[in-house]
Structure formats: structure tokens, C-alpha cells
Amino acid sequence: MPPKGTSMTYEEFLATRLRDLLRFSVVLCGDRGLGEDLVQDVLLRAHTGWDHIGSADSPFAYVRRMLVNEHVSWRRKWSRQIPTADVSPVQSAADHAEQIADRDDLMPRLRALPARQRAAIVLRYYGGLTDLEIADTLGCSPGTIRGYLSRALATMRVQLDSESSLAWKDA
């Protein structure tokens, strides 16, 4: 990272933070292809305004906020254009690693959440940000963030409860 008061070049930023942006975006979108597309679109816009972004206190936080805003914007746009039929993702070959199984179970639940709730969950549990940092990223108050997190977790709990009750009935 450059010393305070100096500017980071776009190439330096990509060399040090592209992988982090891609991982964050894939988790945020719930799909590798969409995550990569999102990063590509945002980085194209960031490149044109890099003089401003590169001299910011935290270019990564700035670009991460651009990713979240673009993701929310995409979700709004595509929810009007794409039918919202419940289509299950194609199941990949079974992997016996518990971590992979948990991730496969989690991704459809995250995809079912509204964009801002999903962003809040990803920023908290994947990004490790505080309520204040998430509020700054999403442009709202910390109380709103706590509401997003509470509703998102409650929705995911209801999904789990309904699935477990169905599993008991089938057994």
C-alpha cells in the first residue's frame, strides 16, 4: 500500500486486490460468472475515475462499495426483466468435504434474499465489517443494517426450519 497522501496506481490496485474483489463479488452474486461480470463492469468504471479513487484513503473500500451498489442496481434491473420462476441450480458432483457441502447449501439461501439483505450478510460474515462500516458501504444507517441482518437471518432460519420439518415428515 502506498504511504498516506500518495496515490495507488490502477495496476498496483489490481495486482494486490483483484482476487479479493472477485471472491467478494462471487459470494455477493451467488454465481461465479455473474460475480466476474460484476467485477469487470465495476473495474471498467473505476479505471476511468482512478485519479479520484486511487487517492482515496481506502481504494478497496471505495471499489467494494461500487460493487455492492452495482449488484443492487443489477438485481433491480433484472428482477423487472427476467421471470422469477424458482429454478434450482444444476447440482455438481458430490464432494465429501463438509465445507463445500455447507457452501452449496448456503448459496441458494443467499440468492433468495433481497439484494440489500444479501449485501449486508456478505459484508458482515464474509467481509467481517461492523454495522457502521456496512452502513457506510450501503449508504444507510447502522439501525437499518441491523434490520437487514435480522430479517435476512430470520428468513434463512425459516427456510431451514421448513426443510427440516419436511425431512421429518418424509422419514
N, C-alpha and C. Protein backbone atom coordinates (compact mmCIF):
# COMPACT_ATOMS: atom_id res chain seq x y z
N MET A 1 0.84 -1.18 0.00
CA MET A 1 0.00 0.00 0.00
C MET A 1 0.88 1.24 0.00
N PRO A 2 0.48 2.26 -0.74
CA PRO A 2 1.30 3.47 -0.76
C PRO A 2 1.15 4.24 0.55
N PRO A 3 2.15 5.04 0.89
CA PRO A 3 2.05 5.85 2.10
C PRO A 3 0.89 6.83 2.01
N LYS A 4 0.39 7.24 3.16
CA LYS A 4 -0.73 8.17 3.23
C LYS A 4 -0.39 9.43 2.44
N GLY A 5 -1.35 9.90 1.67
CA GLY A 5 -1.15 11.13 0.91
C GLY A 5 -0.66 10.87 -0.51
N THR A 6 -0.28 9.62 -0.83
CA THR A 6 0.13 9.31 -2.20
C THR A 6 -0.96 8.48 -2.85
N SER A 7 -0.85 8.38 -4.15
CA SER A 7 -1.88 7.68 -4.92
C SER A 7 -1.40 6.30 -5.33
N MET A 8 -2.31 5.33 -5.26
CA MET A 8 -2.03 3.97 -5.72
C MET A 8 -2.41 3.91 -7.19
N THR A 9 -1.56 3.29 -8.01
CA THR A 9 -1.91 3.16 -9.42
C THR A 9 -2.96 2.07 -9.60
N TYR A 10 -3.65 2.15 -10.71
CA TYR A 10 -4.67 1.16 -11.03
C TYR A 10 -4.05 -0.24 -11.11
N GLU A 11 -2.88 -0.33 -11.74
CA GLU A 11 -2.20 -1.61 -11.89
C GLU A 11 -1.78 -2.19 -10.54
N GLU A 12 -1.30 -1.34 -9.62
CA GLU A 12 -0.95 -1.80 -8.27
C GLU A 12 -2.18 -2.32 -7.55
N PHE A 13 -3.27 -1.59 -7.70
CA PHE A 13 -4.52 -2.00 -7.06
C PHE A 13 -4.95 -3.37 -7.56
N LEU A 14 -4.94 -3.56 -8.88
CA LEU A 14 -5.35 -4.84 -9.44
C LEU A 14 -4.43 -5.97 -9.00
N ALA A 15 -3.13 -5.69 -8.95
CA ALA A 15 -2.17 -6.72 -8.56
C ALA A 15 -2.39 -7.17 -7.12
N THR A 16 -2.82 -6.26 -6.25
CA THR A 16 -2.95 -6.61 -4.84
C THR A 16 -4.37 -6.97 -4.42
N ARG A 17 -5.39 -6.47 -5.11
CA ARG A 17 -6.76 -6.63 -4.60
C ARG A 17 -7.75 -7.31 -5.54
N LEU A 18 -7.36 -7.62 -6.77
CA LEU A 18 -8.31 -8.21 -7.72
C LEU A 18 -8.88 -9.53 -7.20
N ARG A 19 -8.04 -10.37 -6.66
CA ARG A 19 -8.51 -11.67 -6.16
C ARG A 19 -9.55 -11.49 -5.05
N ASP A 20 -9.30 -10.54 -4.12
CA ASP A 20 -10.25 -10.26 -3.05
C ASP A 20 -11.58 -9.75 -3.60
N LEU A 21 -11.51 -8.87 -4.60
CA LEU A 21 -12.74 -8.34 -5.21
C LEU A 21 -13.53 -9.46 -5.89
N LEU A 22 -12.84 -10.34 -6.59
CA LEU A 22 -13.53 -11.44 -7.27
C LEU A 22 -14.21 -12.37 -6.27
N ARG A 23 -13.51 -12.74 -5.21
CA ARG A 23 -14.11 -13.62 -4.20
C ARG A 23 -15.33 -12.95 -3.56
N PHE A 24 -15.18 -11.69 -3.21
CA PHE A 24 -16.29 -10.96 -2.59
C PHE A 24 -17.49 -10.92 -3.54
N SER A 25 -17.24 -10.62 -4.79
CA SER A 25 -18.31 -10.49 -5.77
C SER A 25 -19.01 -11.82 -6.04
N VAL A 26 -18.25 -12.91 -6.10
CA VAL A 26 -18.86 -14.22 -6.33
C VAL A 26 -19.78 -14.58 -5.17
N VAL A 27 -19.33 -14.31 -3.94
CA VAL A 27 -20.19 -14.59 -2.79
C VAL A 27 -21.42 -13.68 -2.82
N LEU A 28 -21.22 -12.42 -3.16
CA LEU A 28 -22.33 -11.46 -3.21
C LEU A 28 -23.37 -11.87 -4.25
N CYS A 29 -22.92 -12.29 -5.42
CA CYS A 29 -23.84 -12.66 -6.51
C CYS A 29 -24.37 -14.08 -6.37
N GLY A 30 -23.61 -14.94 -5.70
CA GLY A 30 -24.03 -16.33 -5.60
C GLY A 30 -23.77 -17.12 -6.86
N ASP A 31 -22.98 -16.56 -7.77
CA ASP A 31 -22.71 -17.22 -9.04
C ASP A 31 -21.35 -16.71 -9.54
N ARG A 32 -20.48 -17.63 -9.92
CA ARG A 32 -19.13 -17.24 -10.34
C ARG A 32 -19.16 -16.35 -11.59
N GLY A 33 -19.92 -16.74 -12.59
CA GLY A 33 -19.98 -15.96 -13.82
C GLY A 33 -20.51 -14.55 -13.60
N LEU A 34 -21.61 -14.45 -12.85
CA LEU A 34 -22.16 -13.12 -12.56
C LEU A 34 -21.20 -12.29 -11.73
N GLY A 35 -20.52 -12.94 -10.78
CA GLY A 35 -19.54 -12.23 -9.95
C GLY A 35 -18.41 -11.66 -10.79
N GLU A 36 -17.92 -12.46 -11.73
CA GLU A 36 -16.85 -11.98 -12.61
C GLU A 36 -17.35 -10.84 -13.50
N ASP A 37 -18.57 -10.96 -14.03
CA ASP A 37 -19.14 -9.88 -14.85
C ASP A 37 -19.28 -8.60 -14.05
N LEU A 38 -19.73 -8.73 -12.80
CA LEU A 38 -19.90 -7.57 -11.94
C LEU A 38 -18.56 -6.87 -11.71
N VAL A 39 -17.53 -7.64 -11.40
CA VAL A 39 -16.20 -7.06 -11.17
C VAL A 39 -15.71 -6.38 -12.44
N GLN A 40 -15.90 -7.02 -13.58
CA GLN A 40 -15.45 -6.44 -14.84
C GLN A 40 -16.13 -5.09 -15.09
N ASP A 41 -17.44 -5.03 -14.94
CA ASP A 41 -18.16 -3.78 -15.16
C ASP A 41 -17.69 -2.68 -14.21
N VAL A 42 -17.53 -3.02 -12.95
CA VAL A 42 -17.13 -2.03 -11.95
C VAL A 42 -15.70 -1.56 -12.18
N LEU A 43 -14.81 -2.50 -12.52
CA LEU A 43 -13.42 -2.10 -12.74
C LEU A 43 -13.26 -1.24 -13.99
N LEU A 44 -14.10 -1.46 -14.98
CA LEU A 44 -14.07 -0.57 -16.15
C LEU A 44 -14.44 0.86 -15.76
N ARG A 45 -15.48 0.99 -14.93
CA ARG A 45 -15.86 2.33 -14.45
C ARG A 45 -14.81 2.91 -13.52
N ALA A 46 -14.24 2.05 -12.68
CA ALA A 46 -13.21 2.52 -11.74
C ALA A 46 -11.98 3.02 -12.49
N HIS A 47 -11.63 2.37 -13.58
CA HIS A 47 -10.45 2.78 -14.35
C HIS A 47 -10.59 4.21 -14.86
N THR A 48 -11.80 4.55 -15.33
CA THR A 48 -11.99 5.91 -15.85
C THR A 48 -11.92 6.97 -14.76
N GLY A 49 -12.24 6.61 -13.53
CA GLY A 49 -12.18 7.57 -12.43
C GLY A 49 -11.06 7.28 -11.45
N TRP A 50 -10.00 6.60 -11.92
CA TRP A 50 -8.98 6.14 -10.99
C TRP A 50 -8.21 7.27 -10.31
N ASP A 51 -8.07 8.41 -10.95
CA ASP A 51 -7.36 9.52 -10.31
C ASP A 51 -8.00 9.85 -8.97
N HIS A 52 -9.31 9.86 -8.93
CA HIS A 52 -10.05 10.13 -7.70
C HIS A 52 -10.00 8.94 -6.74
N ILE A 53 -10.27 7.74 -7.26
CA ILE A 53 -10.35 6.53 -6.42
C ILE A 53 -8.98 6.18 -5.84
N GLY A 54 -7.93 6.24 -6.66
CA GLY A 54 -6.60 5.86 -6.22
C GLY A 54 -6.04 6.73 -5.12
N SER A 55 -6.52 7.95 -5.01
CA SER A 55 -6.04 8.84 -3.96
C SER A 55 -6.92 8.79 -2.71
N ALA A 56 -7.96 7.97 -2.72
CA ALA A 56 -8.84 7.82 -1.55
C ALA A 56 -8.07 7.13 -0.43
N ASP A 57 -8.56 7.28 0.81
CA ASP A 57 -7.93 6.63 1.96
C ASP A 57 -7.90 5.12 1.78
N SER A 58 -8.98 4.54 1.25
CA SER A 58 -9.05 3.10 1.03
C SER A 58 -9.69 2.82 -0.33
N PRO A 59 -8.86 2.71 -1.36
CA PRO A 59 -9.42 2.41 -2.69
C PRO A 59 -10.21 1.10 -2.71
N PHE A 60 -9.78 0.11 -1.91
CA PHE A 60 -10.51 -1.17 -1.86
C PHE A 60 -11.93 -0.96 -1.34
N ALA A 61 -12.08 -0.20 -0.26
CA ALA A 61 -13.41 0.06 0.29
C ALA A 61 -14.28 0.81 -0.72
N TYR A 62 -13.67 1.74 -1.44
CA TYR A 62 -14.39 2.51 -2.45
C TYR A 62 -14.90 1.58 -3.56
N VAL A 63 -14.02 0.72 -4.06
CA VAL A 63 -14.41 -0.18 -5.16
C VAL A 63 -15.39 -1.24 -4.64
N ARG A 64 -15.21 -1.70 -3.41
CA ARG A 64 -16.16 -2.65 -2.83
C ARG A 64 -17.55 -2.04 -2.76
N ARG A 65 -17.62 -0.77 -2.39
CA ARG A 65 -18.92 -0.09 -2.36
C ARG A 65 -19.50 0.02 -3.77
N MET A 66 -18.65 0.27 -4.75
CA MET A 66 -19.12 0.30 -6.14
C MET A 66 -19.71 -1.07 -6.53
N LEU A 67 -19.06 -2.15 -6.09
CA LEU A 67 -19.56 -3.50 -6.38
C LEU A 67 -20.94 -3.71 -5.77
N VAL A 68 -21.08 -3.34 -4.51
CA VAL A 68 -22.37 -3.54 -3.83
C VAL A 68 -23.45 -2.71 -4.52
N ASN A 69 -23.16 -1.46 -4.82
CA ASN A 69 -24.15 -0.61 -5.47
C ASN A 69 -24.54 -1.14 -6.85
N GLU A 70 -23.57 -1.60 -7.59
CA GLU A 70 -23.85 -2.15 -8.92
C GLU A 70 -24.66 -3.44 -8.80
N HIS A 71 -24.34 -4.26 -7.80
CA HIS A 71 -25.09 -5.50 -7.59
C HIS A 71 -26.56 -5.20 -7.28
N VAL A 72 -26.78 -4.26 -6.39
CA VAL A 72 -28.16 -3.88 -6.05
C VAL A 72 -28.87 -3.34 -7.29
N SER A 73 -28.17 -2.54 -8.07
CA SER A 73 -28.74 -1.99 -9.29
C SER A 73 -29.07 -3.09 -10.30
N TRP A 74 -28.18 -4.05 -10.47
CA TRP A 74 -28.42 -5.18 -11.37
C TRP A 74 -29.64 -5.95 -10.94
N ARG A 75 -29.73 -6.23 -9.64
CA ARG A 75 -30.86 -7.02 -9.14
C ARG A 75 -32.17 -6.28 -9.43
N ARG A 76 -32.17 -4.97 -9.24
CA ARG A 76 -33.38 -4.20 -9.52
C ARG A 76 -33.72 -4.29 -11.01
N LYS A 77 -32.73 -4.12 -11.84
CA LYS A 77 -32.93 -4.13 -13.28
C LYS A 77 -33.42 -5.50 -13.76
N TRP A 78 -32.73 -6.57 -13.36
CA TRP A 78 -33.06 -7.89 -13.87
C TRP A 78 -34.33 -8.46 -13.25
N SER A 79 -34.70 -8.01 -12.07
CA SER A 79 -35.95 -8.51 -11.49
C SER A 79 -37.16 -8.04 -12.30
N ARG A 80 -37.00 -6.96 -13.03
CA ARG A 80 -38.08 -6.47 -13.89
C ARG A 80 -38.08 -7.17 -15.24
N GLN A 81 -36.97 -7.76 -15.64
CA GLN A 81 -36.86 -8.30 -16.99
C GLN A 81 -36.85 -9.82 -17.06
N ILE A 82 -36.42 -10.48 -16.01
CA ILE A 82 -36.31 -11.93 -16.04
C ILE A 82 -37.45 -12.54 -15.23
N PRO A 83 -38.16 -13.53 -15.77
CA PRO A 83 -39.19 -14.19 -14.97
C PRO A 83 -38.56 -14.76 -13.70
N THR A 84 -39.30 -14.69 -12.60
CA THR A 84 -38.73 -15.10 -11.31
C THR A 84 -39.16 -16.50 -10.93
N ALA A 85 -39.23 -17.40 -11.89
CA ALA A 85 -39.56 -18.79 -11.58
C ALA A 85 -38.47 -19.38 -10.71
N ASP A 86 -38.84 -20.24 -9.80
CA ASP A 86 -37.87 -20.86 -8.90
C ASP A 86 -37.18 -22.00 -9.63
N VAL A 87 -35.97 -21.73 -10.11
CA VAL A 87 -35.20 -22.71 -10.84
C VAL A 87 -34.02 -23.11 -9.98
N SER A 88 -33.91 -24.40 -9.71
CA SER A 88 -32.80 -24.89 -8.89
C SER A 88 -31.54 -24.92 -9.73
N PRO A 89 -30.40 -24.56 -9.13
CA PRO A 89 -29.16 -24.62 -9.88
C PRO A 89 -28.79 -26.07 -10.17
N VAL A 90 -28.03 -26.27 -11.23
CA VAL A 90 -27.58 -27.60 -11.59
C VAL A 90 -26.67 -28.10 -10.48
N GLN A 91 -26.93 -29.29 -10.01
CA GLN A 91 -26.13 -29.86 -8.93
C GLN A 91 -24.82 -30.40 -9.50
N SER A 92 -23.74 -30.04 -8.86
CA SER A 92 -22.44 -30.56 -9.27
C SER A 92 -22.22 -31.92 -8.62
N ALA A 93 -21.17 -32.57 -9.02
CA ALA A 93 -20.84 -33.87 -8.43
C ALA A 93 -20.64 -33.71 -6.93
N ALA A 94 -21.06 -34.72 -6.20
CA ALA A 94 -20.98 -34.67 -4.74
C ALA A 94 -19.53 -34.55 -4.30
N ASP A 95 -19.30 -33.67 -3.37
CA ASP A 95 -17.98 -33.50 -2.77
C ASP A 95 -18.14 -33.80 -1.30
N HIS A 96 -17.30 -34.63 -0.75
CA HIS A 96 -17.48 -35.08 0.61
C HIS A 96 -16.91 -34.12 1.64
N ALA A 97 -16.32 -33.05 1.21
CA ALA A 97 -15.78 -32.08 2.15
C ALA A 97 -16.94 -31.30 2.76
N GLU A 98 -16.97 -31.25 4.06
CA GLU A 98 -18.07 -30.58 4.78
C GLU A 98 -18.18 -29.10 4.41
N GLN A 99 -17.07 -28.45 4.22
CA GLN A 99 -17.09 -27.03 3.89
C GLN A 99 -17.77 -26.78 2.54
N ILE A 100 -17.49 -27.63 1.57
CA ILE A 100 -18.11 -27.49 0.25
C ILE A 100 -19.61 -27.75 0.36
N ALA A 101 -20.01 -28.72 1.13
CA ALA A 101 -21.43 -29.03 1.30
C ALA A 101 -22.15 -27.86 1.97
N ASP A 102 -21.52 -27.27 2.96
CA ASP A 102 -22.13 -26.11 3.62
C ASP A 102 -22.29 -24.95 2.64
N ARG A 103 -21.28 -24.71 1.81
CA ARG A 103 -21.35 -23.62 0.85
C ARG A 103 -22.44 -23.87 -0.18
N ASP A 104 -22.54 -25.13 -0.65
CA ASP A 104 -23.59 -25.47 -1.62
C ASP A 104 -24.97 -25.29 -1.01
N ASP A 105 -25.11 -25.53 0.28
CA ASP A 105 -26.37 -25.35 0.97
C ASP A 105 -26.68 -23.87 1.19
N LEU A 106 -25.64 -23.09 1.42
CA LEU A 106 -25.81 -21.67 1.74
C LEU A 106 -26.12 -20.80 0.52
N MET A 107 -25.50 -21.08 -0.61
CA MET A 107 -25.63 -20.19 -1.77
C MET A 107 -27.08 -20.02 -2.24
N PRO A 108 -27.90 -21.06 -2.35
CA PRO A 108 -29.29 -20.83 -2.77
C PRO A 108 -30.07 -20.00 -1.74
N ARG A 109 -29.74 -20.15 -0.49
CA ARG A 109 -30.40 -19.35 0.55
C ARG A 109 -30.03 -17.89 0.41
N LEU A 110 -28.77 -17.61 0.12
CA LEU A 110 -28.33 -16.22 -0.08
C LEU A 110 -28.98 -15.64 -1.34
N ARG A 111 -29.06 -16.43 -2.40
CA ARG A 111 -29.65 -15.94 -3.65
C ARG A 111 -31.13 -15.58 -3.47
N ALA A 112 -31.80 -16.21 -2.52
CA ALA A 112 -33.23 -15.96 -2.30
C ALA A 112 -33.48 -14.65 -1.55
N LEU A 113 -32.44 -14.08 -0.94
CA LEU A 113 -32.62 -12.84 -0.17
C LEU A 113 -32.68 -11.62 -1.08
N PRO A 114 -33.38 -10.57 -0.64
CA PRO A 114 -33.32 -9.30 -1.38
C PRO A 114 -31.88 -8.79 -1.43
N ALA A 115 -31.55 -8.01 -2.44
CA ALA A 115 -30.17 -7.60 -2.71
C ALA A 115 -29.51 -6.91 -1.52
N ARG A 116 -30.18 -5.98 -0.86
CA ARG A 116 -29.56 -5.25 0.24
C ARG A 116 -29.35 -6.15 1.45
N GLN A 117 -30.29 -7.06 1.71
CA GLN A 117 -30.11 -8.00 2.81
C GLN A 117 -28.93 -8.93 2.52
N ARG A 118 -28.85 -9.41 1.29
CA ARG A 118 -27.74 -10.27 0.91
C ARG A 118 -26.42 -9.52 1.05
N ALA A 119 -26.38 -8.28 0.59
CA ALA A 119 -25.15 -7.49 0.69
C ALA A 119 -24.75 -7.32 2.16
N ALA A 120 -25.72 -7.05 3.02
CA ALA A 120 -25.42 -6.88 4.45
C ALA A 120 -24.85 -8.17 5.04
N ILE A 121 -25.45 -9.31 4.70
CA ILE A 121 -24.97 -10.61 5.21
C ILE A 121 -23.55 -10.87 4.71
N VAL A 122 -23.30 -10.65 3.43
CA VAL A 122 -21.97 -10.91 2.87
C VAL A 122 -20.94 -9.97 3.47
N LEU A 123 -21.29 -8.69 3.60
CA LEU A 123 -20.35 -7.74 4.19
C LEU A 123 -20.04 -8.08 5.64
N ARG A 124 -21.03 -8.56 6.39
CA ARG A 124 -20.81 -8.89 7.81
C ARG A 124 -20.03 -10.18 7.96
N TYR A 125 -20.53 -11.27 7.37
CA TYR A 125 -19.97 -12.58 7.66
C TYR A 125 -18.84 -12.98 6.73
N TYR A 126 -18.79 -12.44 5.53
CA TYR A 126 -17.69 -12.75 4.63
C TYR A 126 -16.64 -11.64 4.70
N GLY A 127 -17.11 -10.39 4.70
CA GLY A 127 -16.18 -9.27 4.73
C GLY A 127 -15.70 -8.90 6.12
N GLY A 128 -16.43 -9.35 7.16
CA GLY A 128 -16.02 -9.06 8.53
C GLY A 128 -16.18 -7.60 8.94
N LEU A 129 -17.11 -6.88 8.31
CA LEU A 129 -17.30 -5.46 8.60
C LEU A 129 -18.26 -5.25 9.77
N THR A 130 -18.13 -4.11 10.42
CA THR A 130 -19.03 -3.74 11.51
C THR A 130 -20.30 -3.13 10.92
N ASP A 131 -21.31 -2.92 11.79
CA ASP A 131 -22.55 -2.29 11.34
C ASP A 131 -22.27 -0.92 10.72
N LEU A 132 -21.40 -0.17 11.35
CA LEU A 132 -21.08 1.18 10.86
C LEU A 132 -20.41 1.13 9.49
N GLU A 133 -19.49 0.19 9.30
CA GLU A 133 -18.81 0.06 8.00
C GLU A 133 -19.78 -0.42 6.92
N ILE A 134 -20.66 -1.33 7.28
CA ILE A 134 -21.66 -1.81 6.32
C ILE A 134 -22.61 -0.67 5.95
N ALA A 135 -23.02 0.10 6.96
CA ALA A 135 -23.92 1.23 6.71
C ALA A 135 -23.26 2.23 5.78
N ASP A 136 -21.98 2.47 5.98
CA ASP A 136 -21.25 3.40 5.10
C ASP A 136 -21.20 2.85 3.68
N THR A 137 -20.97 1.55 3.54
CA THR A 137 -20.89 0.93 2.22
C THR A 137 -22.25 0.96 1.50
N LEU A 138 -23.32 0.70 2.24
CA LEU A 138 -24.65 0.66 1.62
C LEU A 138 -25.35 2.02 1.61
N GLY A 139 -24.76 3.00 2.29
CA GLY A 139 -25.34 4.34 2.29
C GLY A 139 -26.61 4.45 3.10
N CYS A 140 -26.64 3.85 4.28
CA CYS A 140 -27.80 3.94 5.14
C CYS A 140 -27.32 3.96 6.60
N SER A 141 -28.26 3.92 7.54
CA SER A 141 -27.89 4.00 8.96
C SER A 141 -27.54 2.62 9.52
N PRO A 142 -26.77 2.57 10.61
CA PRO A 142 -26.46 1.29 11.25
C PRO A 142 -27.72 0.55 11.73
N GLY A 143 -28.75 1.29 12.13
CA GLY A 143 -30.01 0.66 12.54
C GLY A 143 -30.67 -0.07 11.38
N THR A 144 -30.60 0.51 10.21
CA THR A 144 -31.14 -0.14 9.02
C THR A 144 -30.37 -1.42 8.73
N ILE A 145 -29.07 -1.38 8.92
CA ILE A 145 -28.24 -2.57 8.69
C ILE A 145 -28.64 -3.67 9.66
N ARG A 146 -28.84 -3.33 10.93
CA ARG A 146 -29.25 -4.34 11.91
C ARG A 146 -30.59 -4.95 11.50
N GLY A 147 -31.49 -4.13 10.95
CA GLY A 147 -32.76 -4.64 10.46
C GLY A 147 -32.58 -5.58 9.29
N TYR A 148 -31.72 -5.20 8.33
CA TYR A 148 -31.44 -6.08 7.18
C TYR A 148 -30.89 -7.42 7.66
N LEU A 149 -29.92 -7.36 8.57
CA LEU A 149 -29.30 -8.59 9.07
C LEU A 149 -30.31 -9.45 9.80
N SER A 150 -31.13 -8.84 10.63
CA SER A 150 -32.12 -9.58 11.40
C SER A 150 -33.13 -10.26 10.48
N ARG A 151 -33.65 -9.51 9.50
CA ARG A 151 -34.63 -10.08 8.58
C ARG A 151 -34.01 -11.18 7.72
N ALA A 152 -32.78 -10.97 7.27
CA ALA A 152 -32.12 -11.97 6.43
C ALA A 152 -31.89 -13.27 7.21
N LEU A 153 -31.39 -13.14 8.42
CA LEU A 153 -31.15 -14.34 9.24
C LEU A 153 -32.47 -15.04 9.59
N ALA A 154 -33.52 -14.26 9.87
CA ALA A 154 -34.82 -14.86 10.17
C ALA A 154 -35.35 -15.62 8.96
N THR A 155 -35.21 -15.04 7.78
CA THR A 155 -35.66 -15.69 6.55
C THR A 155 -34.92 -17.01 6.34
N MET A 156 -33.61 -16.98 6.57
CA MET A 156 -32.82 -18.19 6.38
C MET A 156 -33.17 -19.25 7.43
N ARG A 157 -33.48 -18.82 8.66
CA ARG A 157 -33.90 -19.76 9.70
C ARG A 157 -35.23 -20.42 9.34
N VAL A 158 -36.17 -19.63 8.81
CA VAL A 158 -37.47 -20.17 8.41
C VAL A 158 -37.27 -21.21 7.31
N GLN A 159 -36.38 -20.92 6.36
CA GLN A 159 -36.10 -21.88 5.29
C GLN A 159 -35.57 -23.19 5.88
N LEU A 160 -34.64 -23.08 6.82
CA LEU A 160 -34.07 -24.27 7.45
C LEU A 160 -35.13 -25.05 8.23
N ASP A 161 -35.95 -24.32 8.99
CA ASP A 161 -36.99 -24.97 9.79
C ASP A 161 -37.99 -25.71 8.90
N SER A 162 -38.40 -25.07 7.81
CA SER A 162 -39.38 -25.71 6.94
C SER A 162 -38.78 -26.93 6.25
N GLU A 163 -37.51 -26.87 5.89
CA GLU A 163 -36.87 -28.02 5.26
C GLU A 163 -36.69 -29.16 6.25
N SER A 164 -36.34 -28.83 7.50
CA SER A 164 -36.14 -29.89 8.48
C SER A 164 -37.46 -30.53 8.86
N SER A 165 -38.55 -29.76 8.90
CA SER A 165 -39.85 -30.36 9.21
C SER A 165 -40.31 -31.25 8.06
N LEU A 166 -40.01 -30.87 6.84
CA LEU A 166 -40.35 -31.73 5.69
C LEU A 166 -39.53 -33.02 5.73
N ALA A 167 -38.26 -32.92 6.14
CA ALA A 167 -37.41 -34.11 6.21
C ALA A 167 -37.96 -35.07 7.28
N TRP A 168 -38.47 -34.54 8.38
CA TRP A 168 -39.04 -35.40 9.44
C TRP A 168 -40.31 -36.09 8.95
N LYS A 169 -41.11 -35.38 8.17
CA LYS A 169 -42.36 -35.96 7.67
C LYS A 169 -42.07 -37.06 6.66
N ASP A 170 -41.02 -36.89 5.87
CA ASP A 170 -40.66 -37.89 4.86
C ASP A 170 -40.03 -39.12 5.47
N ALA A 171 -39.46 -38.97 6.66
CA ALA A 171 -38.73 -40.11 7.28
C ALA A 171 -39.64 -41.15 7.86
